[in-house]
Amino acid sequence: MNAPHRDTGFFTEPLAGRDPRPFGAVDQELGRQRHEIELIASENIVSRAGWRRRAR
């Protein structure tokens, strides 16, 4: 049995040149995370002042 050919550039070549489509997706997501705010609603984290205000 012969071992399959090993792709020596898999871990060394830049993703942009090797496979531009996933590179573009990763690049867009990185830009989104760096330059946009993401708000996550949570009922578990409320300041005391906010909790008192809600109770009125």
Protein backbone atom coordinates (compact mmCIF):
# COMPACT_ATOMS: atom_id res chain seq x y z
CA MET A 1 0.00 0.00 0.00
CA ASN A 2 1.37 3.42 -0.93
CA ALA A 3 0.89 6.42 1.30
CA PRO A 4 -1.02 9.27 -0.37
CA HIS A 5 0.96 12.26 -1.61
CA ARG A 6 1.46 14.81 1.11
CA ASP A 7 0.66 18.42 0.31
CA THR A 8 3.69 20.20 1.73
CA GLY A 9 2.20 23.69 1.28
CA PHE A 10 -0.97 23.06 3.26
CA PHE A 11 0.36 24.62 6.46
CA THR A 12 2.91 26.96 4.92
CA GLU A 13 1.23 28.69 1.98
CA PRO A 14 -0.88 31.79 2.71
CA LEU A 15 -4.61 31.07 2.52
CA ALA A 16 -5.15 34.08 0.23
CA GLY A 17 -3.13 32.47 -2.53
CA ARG A 18 -4.09 28.88 -1.86
CA ASP A 19 -7.87 29.28 -1.62
CA PRO A 20 -9.16 32.86 -2.08
CA ARG A 21 -12.84 32.07 -1.37
CA PRO A 22 -12.47 31.02 2.29
CA PHE A 23 -9.79 33.67 2.73
CA GLY A 24 -12.31 36.33 1.64
CA ALA A 25 -14.91 35.02 4.09
CA VAL A 26 -12.41 34.99 6.97
CA ASP A 27 -11.15 38.45 6.03
CA GLN A 28 -14.69 39.89 5.93
CA GLU A 29 -15.55 38.37 9.30
CA LEU A 30 -12.37 39.71 10.85
CA GLY A 31 -13.19 43.19 9.55
CA ARG A 32 -16.73 42.94 10.88
CA GLN A 33 -15.48 41.96 14.33
CA ARG A 34 -12.88 44.72 14.39
CA HIS A 35 -15.02 47.59 13.08
CA GLU A 36 -18.62 46.92 14.09
CA ILE A 37 -20.26 46.77 17.47
CA GLU A 38 -22.23 43.67 18.31
CA LEU A 39 -24.82 44.01 21.03
CA ILE A 40 -26.12 40.92 22.75
CA ALA A 41 -29.29 41.32 24.77
CA SER A 42 -29.10 39.76 28.19
CA GLU A 43 -31.49 39.81 31.11
CA ASN A 44 -28.80 38.44 33.40
CA ILE A 45 -26.59 41.54 33.52
CA VAL A 46 -28.44 44.57 34.84
CA SER A 47 -27.13 47.34 37.05
CA ARG A 48 -28.86 47.92 40.37
CA ALA A 49 -30.08 51.31 39.15
CA GLY A 50 -31.56 49.66 36.07
CA TRP A 51 -33.20 46.95 38.16
CA ARG A 52 -34.72 49.56 40.51
CA ARG A 53 -35.96 51.59 37.54
CA ARG A 54 -37.60 48.48 36.09
CA ALA A 55 -39.40 47.75 39.36
CA ARG A 56 -41.29 51.06 39.31
